[in-house]
Amino acid sequence: IGIGYQKLKDIDSALSYLLQALRGELPAHLA
């Protein structure tokens, strides 16, 4: 979702979802 918002140039939403993703269990290449 974060990358999707990045493509739409909705930076605030992108940052919010990406930071939330990084708090969880992401494979290293996605992190």
PDB file of all heavy atoms in Angstrom:
ATOM      1  N   ILE A   1       0.840  -1.209   0.000  1.00  0.00           N
ATOM      2  CA  ILE A   1       0.000   0.000   0.000  1.00  0.00           C
ATOM      3  C   ILE A   1       0.869   1.250   0.000  1.00  0.00           C
ATOM      4  O   ILE A   1       0.591   2.223  -0.714  1.00  0.00           O
ATOM      5  CB  ILE A   1      -0.949  -0.015   1.210  1.00  0.00           C
ATOM      6  CG1 ILE A   1      -1.986  -1.137   1.065  1.00  0.00           C
ATOM      7  CG2 ILE A   1      -1.661   1.327   1.357  1.00  0.00           C
ATOM      8  CD1 ILE A   1      -2.864  -1.327   2.291  1.00  0.00           C
ATOM      9  N   GLY A   2       1.933   1.247   0.810  1.00  0.00           N
ATOM     10  CA  GLY A   2       2.830   2.404   0.857  1.00  0.00           C
ATOM     11  C   GLY A   2       3.421   2.730  -0.497  1.00  0.00           C
ATOM     12  O   GLY A   2       3.481   3.902  -0.906  1.00  0.00           O
ATOM     13  N   ILE A   3       3.847   1.696  -1.225  1.00  0.00           N
ATOM     14  CA  ILE A   3       4.412   1.926  -2.561  1.00  0.00           C
ATOM     15  C   ILE A   3       3.329   2.425  -3.511  1.00  0.00           C
ATOM     16  O   ILE A   3       3.583   3.265  -4.391  1.00  0.00           O
ATOM     17  CB  ILE A   3       5.079   0.646  -3.097  1.00  0.00           C
ATOM     18  CG1 ILE A   3       6.245   0.230  -2.178  1.00  0.00           C
ATOM     19  CG2 ILE A   3       5.576   0.851  -4.523  1.00  0.00           C
ATOM     20  CD1 ILE A   3       7.351   1.254  -2.046  1.00  0.00           C
ATOM     21  N   GLY A   4       2.093   1.932  -3.343  1.00  0.00           N
ATOM     22  CA  GLY A   4       0.986   2.419  -4.158  1.00  0.00           C
ATOM     23  C   GLY A   4       0.762   3.909  -3.965  1.00  0.00           C
ATOM     24  O   GLY A   4       0.602   4.668  -4.938  1.00  0.00           O
ATOM     25  N   TYR A   5       0.763   4.349  -2.708  1.00  0.00           N
ATOM     26  CA  TYR A   5       0.585   5.784  -2.445  1.00  0.00           C
ATOM     27  C   TYR A   5       1.786   6.586  -2.940  1.00  0.00           C
ATOM     28  O   TYR A   5       1.639   7.740  -3.369  1.00  0.00           O
ATOM     29  CB  TYR A   5       0.349   6.026  -0.959  1.00  0.00           C
ATOM     30  CG  TYR A   5      -1.083   5.780  -0.542  1.00  0.00           C
ATOM     31  CD1 TYR A   5      -1.398   4.799   0.393  1.00  0.00           C
ATOM     32  CD2 TYR A   5      -2.122   6.528  -1.084  1.00  0.00           C
ATOM     33  CE1 TYR A   5      -2.717   4.570   0.778  1.00  0.00           C
ATOM     34  CE2 TYR A   5      -3.435   6.310  -0.717  1.00  0.00           C
ATOM     35  CZ  TYR A   5      -3.735   5.324   0.211  1.00  0.00           C
ATOM     36  OH  TYR A   5      -5.037   5.101   0.572  1.00  0.00           O
ATOM     37  N   GLN A   6       2.971   5.992  -2.885  1.00  0.00           N
ATOM     38  CA  GLN A   6       4.134   6.688  -3.442  1.00  0.00           C
ATOM     39  C   GLN A   6       3.932   6.943  -4.934  1.00  0.00           C
ATOM     40  O   GLN A   6       4.235   8.037  -5.424  1.00  0.00           O
ATOM     41  CB  GLN A   6       5.407   5.855  -3.231  1.00  0.00           C
ATOM     42  CG  GLN A   6       6.667   6.523  -3.776  1.00  0.00           C
ATOM     43  CD  GLN A   6       7.883   5.615  -3.751  1.00  0.00           C
ATOM     44  OE1 GLN A   6       7.752   4.402  -3.612  1.00  0.00           O
ATOM     45  NE2 GLN A   6       9.056   6.201  -3.881  1.00  0.00           N
ATOM     46  N   LYS A   7       3.404   5.948  -5.654  1.00  0.00           N
ATOM     47  CA  LYS A   7       3.165   6.128  -7.088  1.00  0.00           C
ATOM     48  C   LYS A   7       2.115   7.212  -7.347  1.00  0.00           C
ATOM     49  O   LYS A   7       2.159   7.908  -8.366  1.00  0.00           O
ATOM     50  CB  LYS A   7       2.748   4.804  -7.719  1.00  0.00           C
ATOM     51  CG  LYS A   7       3.909   3.832  -7.948  1.00  0.00           C
ATOM     52  CD  LYS A   7       3.442   2.570  -8.626  1.00  0.00           C
ATOM     53  CE  LYS A   7       4.623   1.682  -8.998  1.00  0.00           C
ATOM     54  NZ  LYS A   7       5.387   2.197 -10.155  1.00  0.00           N
ATOM     55  N   LEU A   8       1.169   7.364  -6.419  1.00  0.00           N
ATOM     56  CA  LEU A   8       0.155   8.413  -6.554  1.00  0.00           C
ATOM     57  C   LEU A   8       0.643   9.762  -6.034  1.00  0.00           C
ATOM     58  O   LEU A   8      -0.110  10.740  -6.053  1.00  0.00           O
ATOM     59  CB  LEU A   8      -1.121   8.009  -5.796  1.00  0.00           C
ATOM     60  CG  LEU A   8      -1.938   6.859  -6.388  1.00  0.00           C
ATOM     61  CD1 LEU A   8      -3.111   6.518  -5.476  1.00  0.00           C
ATOM     62  CD2 LEU A   8      -2.443   7.214  -7.785  1.00  0.00           C
ATOM     63  N   LYS A   9       1.886   9.790  -5.536  1.00  0.00           N
ATOM     64  CA  LYS A   9       2.506  10.999  -4.983  1.00  0.00           C
ATOM     65  C   LYS A   9       1.777  11.521  -3.743  1.00  0.00           C
ATOM     66  O   LYS A   9       1.808  12.713  -3.433  1.00  0.00           O
ATOM     67  CB  LYS A   9       2.625  12.098  -6.046  1.00  0.00           C
ATOM     68  CG  LYS A   9       3.422  11.668  -7.272  1.00  0.00           C
ATOM     69  CD  LYS A   9       3.709  12.817  -8.197  1.00  0.00           C
ATOM     70  CE  LYS A   9       4.383  12.341  -9.482  1.00  0.00           C
ATOM     71  NZ  LYS A   9       5.583  11.519  -9.255  1.00  0.00           N
ATOM     72  N   ASP A  10       1.114  10.611  -3.026  1.00  0.00           N
ATOM     73  CA  ASP A  10       0.504  10.930  -1.726  1.00  0.00           C
ATOM     74  C   ASP A  10       1.547  10.582  -0.666  1.00  0.00           C
ATOM     75  O   ASP A  10       1.545   9.497  -0.090  1.00  0.00           O
ATOM     76  CB  ASP A  10      -0.786  10.125  -1.545  1.00  0.00           C
ATOM     77  CG  ASP A  10      -1.500  10.457  -0.234  1.00  0.00           C
ATOM     78  OD1 ASP A  10      -0.885  11.072   0.653  1.00  0.00           O
ATOM     79  OD2 ASP A  10      -2.678  10.063  -0.095  1.00  0.00           O
ATOM     80  N   ILE A  11       2.463  11.525  -0.436  1.00  0.00           N
ATOM     81  CA  ILE A  11       3.653  11.248   0.366  1.00  0.00           C
ATOM     82  C   ILE A  11       3.293  10.940   1.822  1.00  0.00           C
ATOM     83  O   ILE A  11       3.849  10.009   2.418  1.00  0.00           O
ATOM     84  CB  ILE A  11       4.638  12.435   0.297  1.00  0.00           C
ATOM     85  CG1 ILE A  11       5.015  12.719  -1.169  1.00  0.00           C
ATOM     86  CG2 ILE A  11       5.885  12.128   1.123  1.00  0.00           C
ATOM     87  CD1 ILE A  11       5.571  11.546  -1.921  1.00  0.00           C
ATOM     88  N   ASP A  12       2.374  11.699   2.398  1.00  0.00           N
ATOM     89  CA  ASP A  12       2.029  11.461   3.806  1.00  0.00           C
ATOM     90  C   ASP A  12       1.474  10.056   4.016  1.00  0.00           C
ATOM     91  O   ASP A  12       1.867   9.361   4.964  1.00  0.00           O
ATOM     92  CB  ASP A  12       1.004  12.500   4.277  1.00  0.00           C
ATOM     93  CG  ASP A  12       1.599  13.886   4.428  1.00  0.00           C
ATOM     94  OD1 ASP A  12       2.848  13.988   4.486  1.00  0.00           O
ATOM     95  OD2 ASP A  12       0.834  14.862   4.476  1.00  0.00           O
ATOM     96  N   SER A  13       0.576   9.617   3.138  1.00  0.00           N
ATOM     97  CA  SER A  13       0.020   8.263   3.271  1.00  0.00           C
ATOM     98  C   SER A  13       1.089   7.213   3.025  1.00  0.00           C
ATOM     99  O   SER A  13       1.150   6.193   3.723  1.00  0.00           O
ATOM    100  CB  SER A  13      -1.146   8.074   2.294  1.00  0.00           C
ATOM    101  OG  SER A  13      -2.220   8.928   2.607  1.00  0.00           O
ATOM    102  N   ALA A  14       1.942   7.447   2.039  1.00  0.00           N
ATOM    103  CA  ALA A  14       3.010   6.494   1.740  1.00  0.00           C
ATOM    104  C   ALA A  14       3.934   6.326   2.941  1.00  0.00           C
ATOM    105  O   ALA A  14       4.264   5.193   3.340  1.00  0.00           O
ATOM    106  CB  ALA A  14       3.799   6.950   0.520  1.00  0.00           C
ATOM    107  N   LEU A  15       4.357   7.442   3.527  1.00  0.00           N
ATOM    108  CA  LEU A  15       5.254   7.370   4.686  1.00  0.00           C
ATOM    109  C   LEU A  15       4.600   6.641   5.843  1.00  0.00           C
ATOM    110  O   LEU A  15       5.219   5.815   6.514  1.00  0.00           O
ATOM    111  CB  LEU A  15       5.648   8.777   5.121  1.00  0.00           C
ATOM    112  CG  LEU A  15       6.564   9.563   4.183  1.00  0.00           C
ATOM    113  CD1 LEU A  15       6.728  10.991   4.677  1.00  0.00           C
ATOM    114  CD2 LEU A  15       7.923   8.885   4.060  1.00  0.00           C
ATOM    115  N   SER A  16       3.326   6.912   6.080  1.00  0.00           N
ATOM    116  CA  SER A  16       2.617   6.283   7.184  1.00  0.00           C
ATOM    117  C   SER A  16       2.580   4.768   7.029  1.00  0.00           C
ATOM    118  O   SER A  16       2.888   4.022   7.967  1.00  0.00           O
ATOM    119  CB  SER A  16       1.199   6.846   7.265  1.00  0.00           C
ATOM    120  OG  SER A  16       0.459   6.182   8.268  1.00  0.00           O
ATOM    121  N   TYR A  17       2.227   4.283   5.839  1.00  0.00           N
ATOM    122  CA  TYR A  17       2.120   2.842   5.632  1.00  0.00           C
ATOM    123  C   TYR A  17       3.493   2.167   5.621  1.00  0.00           C
ATOM    124  O   TYR A  17       3.657   1.056   6.136  1.00  0.00           O
ATOM    125  CB  TYR A  17       1.369   2.544   4.332  1.00  0.00           C
ATOM    126  CG  TYR A  17      -0.131   2.568   4.511  1.00  0.00           C
ATOM    127  CD1 TYR A  17      -0.878   3.675   4.122  1.00  0.00           C
ATOM    128  CD2 TYR A  17      -0.801   1.484   5.071  1.00  0.00           C
ATOM    129  CE1 TYR A  17      -2.256   3.709   4.284  1.00  0.00           C
ATOM    130  CE2 TYR A  17      -2.172   1.511   5.241  1.00  0.00           C
ATOM    131  CZ  TYR A  17      -2.900   2.617   4.853  1.00  0.00           C
ATOM    132  OH  TYR A  17      -4.266   2.640   5.028  1.00  0.00           O
ATOM    133  N   LEU A  18       4.487   2.829   5.047  1.00  0.00           N
ATOM    134  CA  LEU A  18       5.818   2.221   5.003  1.00  0.00           C
ATOM    135  C   LEU A  18       6.422   2.105   6.391  1.00  0.00           C
ATOM    136  O   LEU A  18       7.047   1.089   6.736  1.00  0.00           O
ATOM    137  CB  LEU A  18       6.732   3.021   4.077  1.00  0.00           C
ATOM    138  CG  LEU A  18       6.382   2.938   2.582  1.00  0.00           C
ATOM    139  CD1 LEU A  18       7.239   3.910   1.782  1.00  0.00           C
ATOM    140  CD2 LEU A  18       6.553   1.514   2.056  1.00  0.00           C
ATOM    141  N   LEU A  19       6.254   3.127   7.222  1.00  0.00           N
ATOM    142  CA  LEU A  19       6.762   3.051   8.593  1.00  0.00           C
ATOM    143  C   LEU A  19       6.036   1.963   9.382  1.00  0.00           C
ATOM    144  O   LEU A  19       6.649   1.229  10.174  1.00  0.00           O
ATOM    145  CB  LEU A  19       6.623   4.398   9.287  1.00  0.00           C
ATOM    146  CG  LEU A  19       7.618   5.470   8.843  1.00  0.00           C
ATOM    147  CD1 LEU A  19       7.225   6.825   9.425  1.00  0.00           C
ATOM    148  CD2 LEU A  19       9.036   5.110   9.261  1.00  0.00           C
ATOM    149  N   GLN A  20       4.720   1.850   9.166  1.00  0.00           N
ATOM    150  CA  GLN A  20       3.980   0.794   9.843  1.00  0.00           C
ATOM    151  C   GLN A  20       4.472  -0.578   9.387  1.00  0.00           C
ATOM    152  O   GLN A  20       4.619  -1.501  10.195  1.00  0.00           O
ATOM    153  CB  GLN A  20       2.482   0.940   9.544  1.00  0.00           C
ATOM    154  CG  GLN A  20       1.587   0.024  10.372  1.00  0.00           C
ATOM    155  CD  GLN A  20       1.701   0.279  11.863  1.00  0.00           C
ATOM    156  OE1 GLN A  20       1.788   1.421  12.304  1.00  0.00           O
ATOM    157  NE2 GLN A  20       1.745  -0.783  12.659  1.00  0.00           N
ATOM    158  N   ALA A  21       4.746  -0.723   8.101  1.00  0.00           N
ATOM    159  CA  ALA A  21       5.273  -1.993   7.581  1.00  0.00           C
ATOM    160  C   ALA A  21       6.610  -2.336   8.221  1.00  0.00           C
ATOM    161  O   ALA A  21       6.865  -3.493   8.583  1.00  0.00           O
ATOM    162  CB  ALA A  21       5.418  -1.914   6.066  1.00  0.00           C
ATOM    163  N   LEU A  22       7.469  -1.330   8.394  1.00  0.00           N
ATOM    164  CA  LEU A  22       8.796  -1.565   8.965  1.00  0.00           C
ATOM    165  C   LEU A  22       8.735  -1.941  10.441  1.00  0.00           C
ATOM    166  O   LEU A  22       9.699  -2.486  10.983  1.00  0.00           O
ATOM    167  CB  LEU A  22       9.675  -0.336   8.764  1.00  0.00           C
ATOM    168  CG  LEU A  22      10.172  -0.125   7.332  1.00  0.00           C
ATOM    169  CD1 LEU A  22      10.722   1.281   7.149  1.00  0.00           C
ATOM    170  CD2 LEU A  22      11.222  -1.171   6.971  1.00  0.00           C
ATOM    171  N   ARG A  23       7.613  -1.681  11.095  1.00  0.00           N
ATOM    172  CA  ARG A  23       7.461  -2.104  12.493  1.00  0.00           C
ATOM    173  C   ARG A  23       7.129  -3.597  12.596  1.00  0.00           C
ATOM    174  O   ARG A  23       7.227  -4.178  13.665  1.00  0.00           O
ATOM    175  CB  ARG A  23       6.362  -1.286  13.173  1.00  0.00           C
ATOM    176  CG  ARG A  23       6.701   0.195  13.310  1.00  0.00           C
ATOM    177  CD  ARG A  23       5.614   0.976  14.049  1.00  0.00           C
ATOM    178  NE  ARG A  23       5.923   2.393  14.036  1.00  0.00           N
ATOM    179  CZ  ARG A  23       5.261   3.317  13.350  1.00  0.00           C
ATOM    180  NH1 ARG A  23       4.215   2.966  12.626  1.00  0.00           N
ATOM    181  NH2 ARG A  23       5.619   4.576  13.390  1.00  0.00           N
ATOM    182  N   GLY A  24       6.710  -4.179  11.487  1.00  0.00           N
ATOM    183  CA  GLY A  24       6.302  -5.579  11.500  1.00  0.00           C
ATOM    184  C   GLY A  24       7.410  -6.505  11.026  1.00  0.00           C
ATOM    185  O   GLY A  24       8.592  -6.171  11.077  1.00  0.00           O
ATOM    186  N   GLU A  25       6.986  -7.675  10.515  1.00  0.00           N
ATOM    187  CA  GLU A  25       7.931  -8.705  10.083  1.00  0.00           C
ATOM    188  C   GLU A  25       8.026  -8.678   8.562  1.00  0.00           C
ATOM    189  O   GLU A  25       7.271  -9.359   7.861  1.00  0.00           O
ATOM    190  CB  GLU A  25       7.473 -10.079  10.569  1.00  0.00           C
ATOM    191  CG  GLU A  25       7.510 -10.242  12.080  1.00  0.00           C
ATOM    192  CD  GLU A  25       8.930 -10.201  12.632  1.00  0.00           C
ATOM    193  OE1 GLU A  25       9.809 -10.905  12.086  1.00  0.00           O
ATOM    194  OE2 GLU A  25       9.171  -9.467  13.610  1.00  0.00           O
ATOM    195  N   LEU A  26       8.946  -7.892   8.037  1.00  0.00           N
ATOM    196  CA  LEU A  26       9.169  -7.789   6.601  1.00  0.00           C
ATOM    197  C   LEU A  26      10.426  -8.554   6.209  1.00  0.00           C
ATOM    198  O   LEU A  26      11.455  -8.446   6.878  1.00  0.00           O
ATOM    199  CB  LEU A  26       9.370  -6.331   6.190  1.00  0.00           C
ATOM    200  CG  LEU A  26       8.177  -5.464   5.824  1.00  0.00           C
ATOM    201  CD1 LEU A  26       8.689  -4.098   5.380  1.00  0.00           C
ATOM    202  CD2 LEU A  26       7.335  -6.092   4.741  1.00  0.00           C
ATOM    203  N   PRO A  27      10.386  -9.319   5.105  1.00  0.00           N
ATOM    204  CA  PRO A  27      11.644  -9.848   4.567  1.00  0.00           C
ATOM    205  C   PRO A  27      12.624  -8.709   4.297  1.00  0.00           C
ATOM    206  O   PRO A  27      12.211  -7.578   3.981  1.00  0.00           O
ATOM    207  CB  PRO A  27      11.202 -10.534   3.266  1.00  0.00           C
ATOM    208  CG  PRO A  27       9.764 -10.863   3.471  1.00  0.00           C
ATOM    209  CD  PRO A  27       9.220  -9.744   4.314  1.00  0.00           C
ATOM    210  N   ALA A  28      13.901  -9.004   4.413  1.00  0.00           N
ATOM    211  CA  ALA A  28      14.915  -7.954   4.336  1.00  0.00           C
ATOM    212  C   ALA A  28      14.858  -7.181   3.020  1.00  0.00           C
ATOM    213  O   ALA A  28      15.066  -5.957   2.996  1.00  0.00           O
ATOM    214  CB  ALA A  28      16.302  -8.554   4.537  1.00  0.00           C
ATOM    215  N   HIS A  29      14.559  -7.866   1.896  1.00  0.00           N
ATOM    216  CA  HIS A  29      14.579  -7.133   0.617  1.00  0.00           C
ATOM    217  C   HIS A  29      13.422  -6.135   0.538  1.00  0.00           C
ATOM    218  O   HIS A  29      13.560  -5.079  -0.083  1.00  0.00           O
ATOM    219  CB  HIS A  29      14.568  -8.096  -0.575  1.00  0.00           C
ATOM    220  CG  HIS A  29      13.269  -8.773  -0.847  1.00  0.00           C
ATOM    221  ND1 HIS A  29      12.829  -9.868  -0.133  1.00  0.00           N
ATOM    222  CD2 HIS A  29      12.291  -8.519  -1.767  1.00  0.00           C
ATOM    223  CE1 HIS A  29      11.655 -10.267  -0.605  1.00  0.00           C
ATOM    224  NE2 HIS A  29      11.311  -9.465  -1.588  1.00  0.00           N
ATOM    225  N   LEU A  30      12.301  -6.433   1.199  1.00  0.00           N
ATOM    226  CA  LEU A  30      11.199  -5.468   1.226  1.00  0.00           C
ATOM    227  C   LEU A  30      11.511  -4.325   2.189  1.00  0.00           C
ATOM    228  O   LEU A  30      11.180  -3.165   1.915  1.00  0.00           O
ATOM    229  CB  LEU A  30       9.901  -6.156   1.628  1.00  0.00           C
ATOM    230  CG  LEU A  30       9.356  -7.213   0.665  1.00  0.00           C
ATOM    231  CD1 LEU A  30       7.981  -7.684   1.123  1.00  0.00           C
ATOM    232  CD2 LEU A  30       9.287  -6.692  -0.766  1.00  0.00           C
ATOM    233  N   ALA A  31      12.141  -4.646   3.322  1.00  0.00           N
ATOM    234  CA  ALA A  31      12.526  -3.588   4.264  1.00  0.00           C
ATOM    235  C   ALA A  31      13.515  -2.627   3.606  1.00  0.00           C
ATOM    236  O   ALA A  31      13.409  -1.402   3.773  1.00  0.00           O
ATOM    237  CB  ALA A  31      13.134  -4.200   5.523  1.00  0.00           C
TER     238      ALA A  31
END
